[in-house]
């Protein structure tokens, strides 16, 4: 009970002033620093105005296509063909 008596003088300040104000928050991009970033489908030819995450997706997609193409062109899945044994050769053994 003594703890409540010690906090009693603080009660009017906590209930009226601090909670009645609304906190104003904003994003750093909304302040107006630099050019506004847009989605990649809105300005597909102007890459400098794209949002950063859209640039990342485009770069990763290009890397994926490049790696897949390199694997297909330069040796993914090439096997040497060995001649199949004819039934005559199997009978000799």
PDB file of N, CA and C in Angstrom:
ATOM      1  N   UNK A   1       0.810  -1.183   0.000  1.00  0.00           N
ATOM      2  CA  UNK A   1       0.000   0.000   0.000  1.00  0.00           C
ATOM      3  C   UNK A   1       0.863   1.260   0.000  1.00  0.00           C
ATOM      4  N   UNK A   2       2.039   1.170   0.577  1.00  0.00           N
ATOM      5  CA  UNK A   2       2.903   2.342   0.619  1.00  0.00           C
ATOM      6  C   UNK A   2       3.430   2.693  -0.779  1.00  0.00           C
ATOM      7  N   UNK A   3       3.569   1.694  -1.644  1.00  0.00           N
ATOM      8  CA  UNK A   3       4.025   1.969  -3.011  1.00  0.00           C
ATOM      9  C   UNK A   3       2.984   2.782  -3.767  1.00  0.00           C
ATOM     10  N   UNK A   4       1.712   2.491  -3.543  1.00  0.00           N
ATOM     11  CA  UNK A   4       0.657   3.255  -4.203  1.00  0.00           C
ATOM     12  C   UNK A   4       0.609   4.690  -3.707  1.00  0.00           C
ATOM     13  N   UNK A   5       0.896   4.894  -2.420  1.00  0.00           N
ATOM     14  CA  UNK A   5       0.905   6.253  -1.881  1.00  0.00           C
ATOM     15  C   UNK A   5       2.048   7.063  -2.465  1.00  0.00           C
ATOM     16  N   UNK A   6       3.182   6.377  -2.726  1.00  0.00           N
ATOM     17  CA  UNK A   6       4.313   7.087  -3.308  1.00  0.00           C
ATOM     18  C   UNK A   6       4.054   7.453  -4.774  1.00  0.00           C
ATOM     19  N   UNK A   7       3.275   6.643  -5.476  1.00  0.00           N
ATOM     20  CA  UNK A   7       2.988   6.910  -6.878  1.00  0.00           C
ATOM     21  C   UNK A   7       1.782   7.832  -7.094  1.00  0.00           C
ATOM     22  N   UNK A   8       1.037   8.107  -6.048  1.00  0.00           N
ATOM     23  CA  UNK A   8      -0.167   8.933  -6.156  1.00  0.00           C
ATOM     24  C   UNK A   8       0.118  10.324  -6.729  1.00  0.00           C
ATOM     25  N   UNK A   9       1.190  11.011  -6.381  1.00  0.00           N
ATOM     26  CA  UNK A   9       1.428  12.332  -6.979  1.00  0.00           C
ATOM     27  C   UNK A   9       1.696  12.272  -8.488  1.00  0.00           C
ATOM     28  N   UNK A  10       2.143  11.131  -8.986  1.00  0.00           N
ATOM     29  CA  UNK A  10       2.426  11.004 -10.410  1.00  0.00           C
ATOM     30  C   UNK A  10       1.172  10.716 -11.244  1.00  0.00           C
ATOM     31  N   UNK A  11       0.131  10.246 -10.616  1.00  0.00           N
ATOM     32  CA  UNK A  11      -1.060   9.816 -11.336  1.00  0.00           C
ATOM     33  C   UNK A  11      -1.694  10.905 -12.193  1.00  0.00           C
ATOM     34  N   UNK A  12      -1.866  12.135 -11.730  1.00  0.00           N
ATOM     35  CA  UNK A  12      -2.498  13.144 -12.596  1.00  0.00           C
ATOM     36  C   UNK A  12      -1.671  13.458 -13.841  1.00  0.00           C
ATOM     37  N   UNK A  13      -0.353  13.439 -13.714  1.00  0.00           N
ATOM     38  CA  UNK A  13       0.493  13.736 -14.868  1.00  0.00           C
ATOM     39  C   UNK A  13       0.444  12.615 -15.898  1.00  0.00           C
ATOM     40  N   UNK A  14       0.346  11.384 -15.457  1.00  0.00           N
ATOM     41  CA  UNK A  14       0.325  10.256 -16.383  1.00  0.00           C
ATOM     42  C   UNK A  14      -0.999  10.130 -17.119  1.00  0.00           C
ATOM     43  N   UNK A  15      -2.069  10.425 -16.457  1.00  0.00           N
ATOM     44  CA  UNK A  15      -3.371  10.190 -17.077  1.00  0.00           C
ATOM     45  C   UNK A  15      -3.821  11.305 -18.004  1.00  0.00           C
ATOM     46  N   UNK A  16      -3.459  12.548 -17.750  1.00  0.00           N
ATOM     47  CA  UNK A  16      -4.028  13.629 -18.558  1.00  0.00           C
ATOM     48  C   UNK A  16      -3.105  14.098 -19.674  1.00  0.00           C
ATOM     49  N   UNK A  17      -1.887  14.390 -19.387  1.00  0.00           N
ATOM     50  CA  UNK A  17      -1.067  15.085 -20.381  1.00  0.00           C
ATOM     51  C   UNK A  17      -0.457  14.148 -21.419  1.00  0.00           C
ATOM     52  N   UNK A  18       0.132  13.051 -21.010  1.00  0.00           N
ATOM     53  CA  UNK A  18       0.874  12.221 -21.949  1.00  0.00           C
ATOM     54  C   UNK A  18      -0.017  11.420 -22.890  1.00  0.00           C
ATOM     55  N   UNK A  19      -1.140  10.960 -22.422  1.00  0.00           N
ATOM     56  CA  UNK A  19      -1.976  10.109 -23.240  1.00  0.00           C
ATOM     57  C   UNK A  19      -2.945  10.893 -24.111  1.00  0.00           C
ATOM     58  N   UNK A  20      -3.107  12.162 -23.857  1.00  0.00           N
ATOM     59  CA  UNK A  20      -4.043  12.935 -24.670  1.00  0.00           C
ATOM     60  C   UNK A  20      -3.400  13.393 -25.982  1.00  0.00           C
ATOM     61  N   UNK A  21      -2.089  13.437 -26.066  1.00  0.00           N
ATOM     62  CA  UNK A  21      -1.404  13.849 -27.286  1.00  0.00           C
ATOM     63  C   UNK A  21      -1.243  12.657 -28.226  1.00  0.00           C
ATOM     64  N   UNK A  22      -1.371  12.916 -29.493  1.00  0.00           N
ATOM     65  CA  UNK A  22      -1.149  11.881 -30.492  1.00  0.00           C
ATOM     66  C   UNK A  22       0.302  11.959 -30.964  1.00  0.00           C
ATOM     67  N   UNK A  23       0.901  10.821 -31.088  1.00  0.00           N
ATOM     68  CA  UNK A  23       2.279  10.787 -31.538  1.00  0.00           C
ATOM     69  C   UNK A  23       2.326  10.907 -33.052  1.00  0.00           C
ATOM     70  N   UNK A  24       3.164  11.792 -33.543  1.00  0.00           N
ATOM     71  CA  UNK A  24       3.326  11.982 -34.977  1.00  0.00           C
ATOM     72  C   UNK A  24       4.570  11.243 -35.433  1.00  0.00           C
ATOM     73  N   UNK A  25       4.366  10.318 -36.368  1.00  0.00           N
ATOM     74  CA  UNK A  25       5.501   9.581 -36.906  1.00  0.00           C
ATOM     75  C   UNK A  25       5.432   9.613 -38.419  1.00  0.00           C
ATOM     76  N   UNK A  26       6.564   9.592 -39.038  1.00  0.00           N
ATOM     77  CA  UNK A  26       6.589   9.570 -40.499  1.00  0.00           C
ATOM     78  C   UNK A  26       7.765   8.757 -40.987  1.00  0.00           C
ATOM     79  N   UNK A  27       7.716   8.400 -42.251  1.00  0.00           N
ATOM     80  CA  UNK A  27       8.824   7.674 -42.853  1.00  0.00           C
ATOM     81  C   UNK A  27       9.843   8.661 -43.375  1.00  0.00           C
ATOM     82  N   UNK A  28      11.078   8.226 -43.436  1.00  0.00           N
ATOM     83  CA  UNK A  28      12.132   9.112 -43.906  1.00  0.00           C
ATOM     84  C   UNK A  28      11.935   9.472 -45.379  1.00  0.00           C
ATOM     85  N   UNK A  29      11.372   8.557 -46.152  1.00  0.00           N
ATOM     86  CA  UNK A  29      11.179   8.821 -47.579  1.00  0.00           C
ATOM     87  C   UNK A  29      10.081   9.849 -47.833  1.00  0.00           C
ATOM     88  N   UNK A  30       9.182  10.022 -46.891  1.00  0.00           N
ATOM     89  CA  UNK A  30       8.086  10.962 -47.109  1.00  0.00           C
ATOM     90  C   UNK A  30       8.496  12.404 -46.853  1.00  0.00           C
ATOM     91  N   UNK A  31       9.678  12.613 -46.306  1.00  0.00           N
ATOM     92  CA  UNK A  31      10.140  13.962 -46.009  1.00  0.00           C
ATOM     93  C   UNK A  31      10.484  14.705 -47.291  1.00  0.00           C
ATOM     94  N   UNK A  32      10.920  13.995 -48.303  1.00  0.00           N
ATOM     95  CA  UNK A  32      11.232  14.629 -49.566  1.00  0.00           C
ATOM     96  C   UNK A  32      12.703  14.680 -49.888  1.00  0.00           C
ATOM     97  N   UNK A  33      13.475  13.745 -49.404  1.00  0.00           N
ATOM     98  CA  UNK A  33      14.898  13.694 -49.717  1.00  0.00           C
ATOM     99  C   UNK A  33      15.083  12.922 -51.010  1.00  0.00           C
ATOM    100  N   UNK A  34      15.532  13.575 -52.052  1.00  0.00           N
ATOM    101  CA  UNK A  34      15.798  12.902 -53.312  1.00  0.00           C
ATOM    102  C   UNK A  34      14.539  12.646 -54.115  1.00  0.00           C
ATOM    103  N   UNK A  35      14.724  11.874 -55.196  1.00  0.00           N
ATOM    104  CA  UNK A  35      13.608  11.566 -56.084  1.00  0.00           C
ATOM    105  C   UNK A  35      12.688  10.531 -55.451  1.00  0.00           C
ATOM    106  N   UNK A  36      11.420  10.599 -55.800  1.00  0.00           N
ATOM    107  CA  UNK A  36      10.462   9.621 -55.306  1.00  0.00           C
ATOM    108  C   UNK A  36      10.702   8.300 -56.019  1.00  0.00           C
ATOM    109  N   UNK A  37      10.711   7.211 -55.290  1.00  0.00           N
ATOM    110  CA  UNK A  37      10.916   5.885 -55.858  1.00  0.00           C
ATOM    111  C   UNK A  37       9.576   5.332 -56.324  1.00  0.00           C
ATOM    112  N   UNK A  38       9.591   4.651 -57.451  1.00  0.00           N
ATOM    113  CA  UNK A  38       8.358   4.114 -58.024  1.00  0.00           C
ATOM    114  C   UNK A  38       8.510   2.607 -58.221  1.00  0.00           C
ATOM    115  N   UNK A  39       7.379   1.946 -58.478  1.00  0.00           N
ATOM    116  CA  UNK A  39       7.407   0.524 -58.776  1.00  0.00           C
ATOM    117  C   UNK A  39       8.007   0.305 -60.162  1.00  0.00           C
ATOM    118  N   UNK A  40       8.636  -0.848 -60.356  1.00  0.00           N
ATOM    119  CA  UNK A  40       9.339  -1.096 -61.618  1.00  0.00           C
ATOM    120  C   UNK A  40       8.391  -1.173 -62.798  1.00  0.00           C
ATOM    121  N   UNK A  41       7.128  -1.537 -62.597  1.00  0.00           N
ATOM    122  CA  UNK A  41       6.195  -1.619 -63.725  1.00  0.00           C
ATOM    123  C   UNK A  41       5.615  -0.256 -64.094  1.00  0.00           C
ATOM    124  N   UNK A  42       5.823   0.748 -63.256  1.00  0.00           N
ATOM    125  CA  UNK A  42       5.338   2.084 -63.579  1.00  0.00           C
ATOM    126  C   UNK A  42       6.290   2.827 -64.510  1.00  0.00           C
ATOM    127  N   UNK A  43       7.595   2.623 -64.333  1.00  0.00           N
ATOM    128  CA  UNK A  43       8.612   3.224 -65.200  1.00  0.00           C
ATOM    129  C   UNK A  43       9.669   2.166 -65.514  1.00  0.00           C
ATOM    130  N   UNK A  44       9.368   1.225 -66.403  1.00  0.00           N
ATOM    131  CA  UNK A  44      10.303   0.121 -66.630  1.00  0.00           C
ATOM    132  C   UNK A  44      11.615   0.535 -67.292  1.00  0.00           C
ATOM    133  N   UNK A  45      11.663   1.665 -67.959  1.00  0.00           N
ATOM    134  CA  UNK A  45      12.900   2.069 -68.626  1.00  0.00           C
ATOM    135  C   UNK A  45      13.773   2.973 -67.760  1.00  0.00           C
ATOM    136  N   UNK A  46      13.283   3.443 -66.637  1.00  0.00           N
ATOM    137  CA  UNK A  46      14.023   4.359 -65.781  1.00  0.00           C
ATOM    138  C   UNK A  46      14.417   3.629 -64.496  1.00  0.00           C
ATOM    139  N   UNK A  47      15.488   2.858 -64.556  1.00  0.00           N
ATOM    140  CA  UNK A  47      15.892   2.000 -63.439  1.00  0.00           C
ATOM    141  C   UNK A  47      16.339   2.820 -62.234  1.00  0.00           C
ATOM    142  N   UNK A  48      16.840   4.024 -62.446  1.00  0.00           N
ATOM    143  CA  UNK A  48      17.322   4.828 -61.322  1.00  0.00           C
ATOM    144  C   UNK A  48      16.193   5.270 -60.392  1.00  0.00           C
ATOM    145  N   UNK A  49      14.947   5.217 -60.855  1.00  0.00           N
ATOM    146  CA  UNK A  49      13.816   5.597 -60.006  1.00  0.00           C
ATOM    147  C   UNK A  49      13.102   4.407 -59.385  1.00  0.00           C
ATOM    148  N   UNK A  50      13.572   3.195 -59.648  1.00  0.00           N
ATOM    149  CA  UNK A  50      12.937   2.004 -59.084  1.00  0.00           C
ATOM    150  C   UNK A  50      13.178   1.918 -57.588  1.00  0.00           C
ATOM    151  N   UNK A  51      12.272   1.253 -56.899  1.00  0.00           N
ATOM    152  CA  UNK A  51      12.490   0.956 -55.485  1.00  0.00           C
ATOM    153  C   UNK A  51      13.620  -0.062 -55.367  1.00  0.00           C
ATOM    154  N   UNK A  52      14.328  -0.010 -54.257  1.00  0.00           N
ATOM    155  CA  UNK A  52      15.520  -0.839 -54.099  1.00  0.00           C
ATOM    156  C   UNK A  52      15.201  -2.327 -54.176  1.00  0.00           C
ATOM    157  N   UNK A  53      14.085  -2.754 -53.582  1.00  0.00           N
ATOM    158  CA  UNK A  53      13.771  -4.176 -53.591  1.00  0.00           C
ATOM    159  C   UNK A  53      13.428  -4.668 -54.995  1.00  0.00           C
ATOM    160  N   UNK A  54      12.917  -3.797 -55.862  1.00  0.00           N
ATOM    161  CA  UNK A  54      12.632  -4.201 -57.235  1.00  0.00           C
ATOM    162  C   UNK A  54      13.925  -4.367 -58.019  1.00  0.00           C
ATOM    163  N   UNK A  55      14.908  -3.541 -57.735  1.00  0.00           N
ATOM    164  CA  UNK A  55      16.223  -3.695 -58.372  1.00  0.00           C
ATOM    165  C   UNK A  55      16.855  -5.010 -57.946  1.00  0.00           C
ATOM    166  N   UNK A  56      16.741  -5.355 -56.675  1.00  0.00           N
ATOM    167  CA  UNK A  56      17.307  -6.606 -56.165  1.00  0.00           C
ATOM    168  C   UNK A  56      16.655  -7.797 -56.859  1.00  0.00           C
ATOM    169  N   UNK A  57      15.330  -7.783 -57.003  1.00  0.00           N
ATOM    170  CA  UNK A  57      14.640  -8.890 -57.664  1.00  0.00           C
ATOM    171  C   UNK A  57      15.074  -9.013 -59.121  1.00  0.00           C
ATOM    172  N   UNK A  58      15.229  -7.904 -59.808  1.00  0.00           N
ATOM    173  CA  UNK A  58      15.651  -7.941 -61.210  1.00  0.00           C
ATOM    174  C   UNK A  58      17.067  -8.494 -61.347  1.00  0.00           C
ATOM    175  N   UNK A  59      17.974  -8.067 -60.478  1.00  0.00           N
ATOM    176  CA  UNK A  59      19.354  -8.537 -60.539  1.00  0.00           C
ATOM    177  C   UNK A  59      19.432 -10.027 -60.215  1.00  0.00           C
ATOM    178  N   UNK A  60      18.715 -10.469 -59.194  1.00  0.00           N
ATOM    179  CA  UNK A  60      18.717 -11.893 -58.857  1.00  0.00           C
ATOM    180  C   UNK A  60      18.112 -12.733 -59.977  1.00  0.00           C
ATOM    181  N   UNK A  61      17.080 -12.235 -60.615  1.00  0.00           N
ATOM    182  CA  UNK A  61      16.493 -12.949 -61.749  1.00  0.00           C
ATOM    183  C   UNK A  61      17.467 -13.069 -62.907  1.00  0.00           C
ATOM    184  N   UNK A  62      18.192 -11.999 -63.201  1.00  0.00           N
ATOM    185  CA  UNK A  62      19.191 -12.047 -64.276  1.00  0.00           C
ATOM    186  C   UNK A  62      20.312 -13.025 -63.952  1.00  0.00           C
ATOM    187  N   UNK A  63      20.764 -13.048 -62.713  1.00  0.00           N
ATOM    188  CA  UNK A  63      21.786 -14.012 -62.308  1.00  0.00           C
ATOM    189  C   UNK A  63      21.267 -15.436 -62.466  1.00  0.00           C
ATOM    190  N   UNK A  64      20.027 -15.672 -62.088  1.00  0.00           N
ATOM    191  CA  UNK A  64      19.448 -17.003 -62.225  1.00  0.00           C
ATOM    192  C   UNK A  64      19.383 -17.451 -63.670  1.00  0.00           C
ATOM    193  N   UNK A  65      18.953 -16.567 -64.559  1.00  0.00           N
ATOM    194  CA  UNK A  65      18.889 -16.901 -65.981  1.00  0.00           C
ATOM    195  C   UNK A  65      20.289 -17.156 -66.529  1.00  0.00           C
ATOM    196  N   UNK A  66      21.252 -16.349 -66.132  1.00  0.00           N
ATOM    197  CA  UNK A  66      22.627 -16.526 -66.597  1.00  0.00           C
ATOM    198  C   UNK A  66      23.235 -17.836 -66.144  1.00  0.00           C
ATOM    199  N   UNK A  67      23.041 -18.178 -64.881  1.00  0.00           N
ATOM    200  CA  UNK A  67      23.599 -19.429 -64.362  1.00  0.00           C
ATOM    201  C   UNK A  67      22.917 -20.632 -65.004  1.00  0.00           C
ATOM    202  N   UNK A  68      21.607 -20.591 -65.141  1.00  0.00           N
ATOM    203  CA  UNK A  68      20.871 -21.694 -65.766  1.00  0.00           C
ATOM    204  C   UNK A  68      21.310 -21.881 -67.220  1.00  0.00           C
ATOM    205  N   UNK A  69      21.476 -20.770 -67.940  1.00  0.00           N
ATOM    206  CA  UNK A  69      21.912 -20.856 -69.330  1.00  0.00           C
ATOM    207  C   UNK A  69      23.324 -21.418 -69.434  1.00  0.00           C
ATOM    208  N   UNK A  70      24.214 -20.992 -68.552  1.00  0.00           N
ATOM    209  CA  UNK A  70      25.590 -21.491 -68.575  1.00  0.00           C
ATOM    210  C   UNK A  70      25.641 -22.988 -68.301  1.00  0.00           C
ATOM    211  N   UNK A  71      24.815 -23.456 -67.389  1.00  0.00           N
ATOM    212  CA  UNK A  71      24.786 -24.891 -67.092  1.00  0.00           C
ATOM    213  C   UNK A  71      24.283 -25.663 -68.310  1.00  0.00           C
ATOM    214  N   UNK A  72      23.243 -25.154 -68.955  1.00  0.00           N
ATOM    215  CA  UNK A  72      22.694 -25.843 -70.124  1.00  0.00           C
ATOM    216  C   UNK A  72      23.674 -25.829 -71.298  1.00  0.00           C
ATOM    217  N   UNK A  73      24.386 -24.735 -71.488  1.00  0.00           N
ATOM    218  CA  UNK A  73      25.281 -24.616 -72.639  1.00  0.00           C
ATOM    219  C   UNK A  73      26.589 -25.364 -72.414  1.00  0.00           C
ATOM    220  N   UNK A  74      27.187 -25.225 -71.235  1.00  0.00           N
ATOM    221  CA  UNK A  74      28.545 -25.708 -71.012  1.00  0.00           C
ATOM    222  C   UNK A  74      28.653 -27.014 -70.257  1.00  0.00           C
ATOM    223  N   UNK A  75      27.650 -27.831 -70.243  1.00  0.00           N
ATOM    224  CA  UNK A  75      27.923 -29.152 -69.719  1.00  0.00           C
ATOM    225  C   UNK A  75      26.988 -29.694 -68.685  1.00  0.00           C
ATOM    226  N   UNK A  76      25.840 -29.198 -68.523  1.00  0.00           N
ATOM    227  CA  UNK A  76      24.940 -29.818 -67.576  1.00  0.00           C
ATOM    228  C   UNK A  76      24.270 -31.026 -68.195  1.00  0.00           C
ATOM    229  N   UNK A  77      24.623 -32.230 -67.771  1.00  0.00           N
ATOM    230  CA  UNK A  77      23.919 -33.423 -68.189  1.00  0.00           C
ATOM    231  C   UNK A  77      24.451 -34.106 -69.431  1.00  0.00           C
ATOM    232  N   UNK A  78      25.617 -33.768 -69.933  1.00  0.00           N
ATOM    233  CA  UNK A  78      26.171 -34.473 -71.090  1.00  0.00           C
ATOM    234  C   UNK A  78      26.838 -35.752 -70.605  1.00  0.00           C
ATOM    235  N   UNK A  79      26.448 -36.858 -71.205  1.00  0.00           N
ATOM    236  CA  UNK A  79      27.032 -38.146 -70.837  1.00  0.00           C
ATOM    237  C   UNK A  79      27.610 -38.794 -72.083  1.00  0.00           C
ATOM    238  N   UNK A  80      28.691 -39.537 -71.894  1.00  0.00           N
ATOM    239  CA  UNK A  80      29.267 -40.262 -73.019  1.00  0.00           C
ATOM    240  C   UNK A  80      28.396 -41.469 -73.312  1.00  0.00           C
ATOM    241  N   UNK A  81      28.139 -41.660 -74.588  1.00  0.00           N
ATOM    242  CA  UNK A  81      27.314 -42.806 -74.942  1.00  0.00           C
ATOM    243  C   UNK A  81      28.212 -44.020 -75.171  1.00  0.00           C
ATOM    244  N   UNK A  82      27.915 -45.093 -74.508  1.00  0.00           N
ATOM    245  CA  UNK A  82      28.651 -46.341 -74.695  1.00  0.00           C
ATOM    246  C   UNK A  82      27.807 -47.249 -75.574  1.00  0.00           C
ATOM    247  N   UNK A  83      28.435 -47.934 -76.493  1.00  0.00           N
ATOM    248  CA  UNK A  83      27.655 -48.806 -77.360  1.00  0.00           C
ATOM    249  C   UNK A  83      27.022 -49.938 -76.555  1.00  0.00           C
ATOM    250  N   UNK A  84      25.801 -50.212 -76.865  1.00  0.00           N
ATOM    251  CA  UNK A  84      25.095 -51.273 -76.160  1.00  0.00           C
ATOM    252  C   UNK A  84      25.630 -52.623 -76.632  1.00  0.00           C
ATOM    253  N   UNK A  85      25.694 -53.542 -75.717  1.00  0.00           N
ATOM    254  CA  UNK A  85      26.187 -54.888 -76.058  1.00  0.00           C
ATOM    255  C   UNK A  85      25.115 -55.624 -76.833  1.00  0.00           C
ATOM    256  N   UNK A  86      25.531 -56.203 -77.935  1.00  0.00           N
ATOM    257  CA  UNK A  86      24.592 -56.967 -78.747  1.00  0.00           C
ATOM    258  C   UNK A  86      24.376 -58.341 -78.110  1.00  0.00           C
ATOM    259  N   UNK A  87      23.293 -58.992 -78.408  1.00  0.00           N
ATOM    260  CA  UNK A  87      23.042 -60.330 -77.824  1.00  0.00           C
ATOM    261  C   UNK A  87      24.110 -61.359 -78.209  1.00  0.00           C
ATOM    262  N   UNK A  88      24.757 -61.191 -79.355  1.00  0.00           N
ATOM    263  CA  UNK A  88      25.818 -62.122 -79.776  1.00  0.00           C
ATOM    264  C   UNK A  88      27.001 -62.025 -78.841  1.00  0.00           C
ATOM    265  N   UNK A  89      27.351 -60.787 -78.423  1.00  0.00           N
ATOM    266  CA  UNK A  89      28.494 -60.602 -77.534  1.00  0.00           C
ATOM    267  C   UNK A  89      28.196 -61.147 -76.149  1.00  0.00           C
ATOM    268  N   UNK A  90      26.966 -61.114 -75.728  1.00  0.00           N
ATOM    269  CA  UNK A  90      26.626 -61.639 -74.424  1.00  0.00           C
ATOM    270  C   UNK A  90      26.705 -63.158 -74.398  1.00  0.00           C
ATOM    271  N   UNK A  91      26.428 -63.813 -75.512  1.00  0.00           N
ATOM    272  CA  UNK A  91      26.484 -65.272 -75.559  1.00  0.00           C
ATOM    273  C   UNK A  91      27.911 -65.793 -75.543  1.00  0.00           C
ATOM    274  N   UNK A  92      28.884 -65.006 -75.985  1.00  0.00           N
ATOM    275  CA  UNK A  92      30.289 -65.448 -76.028  1.00  0.00           C
ATOM    276  C   UNK A  92      30.890 -65.567 -74.625  1.00  0.00           C
ATOM    277  N   UNK A  93      30.361 -64.901 -73.662  1.00  0.00           N
ATOM    278  CA  UNK A  93      30.966 -64.904 -72.315  1.00  0.00           C
ATOM    279  C   UNK A  93      30.492 -66.041 -71.545  1.00  0.00           C
TER     280      UNK A  93
END
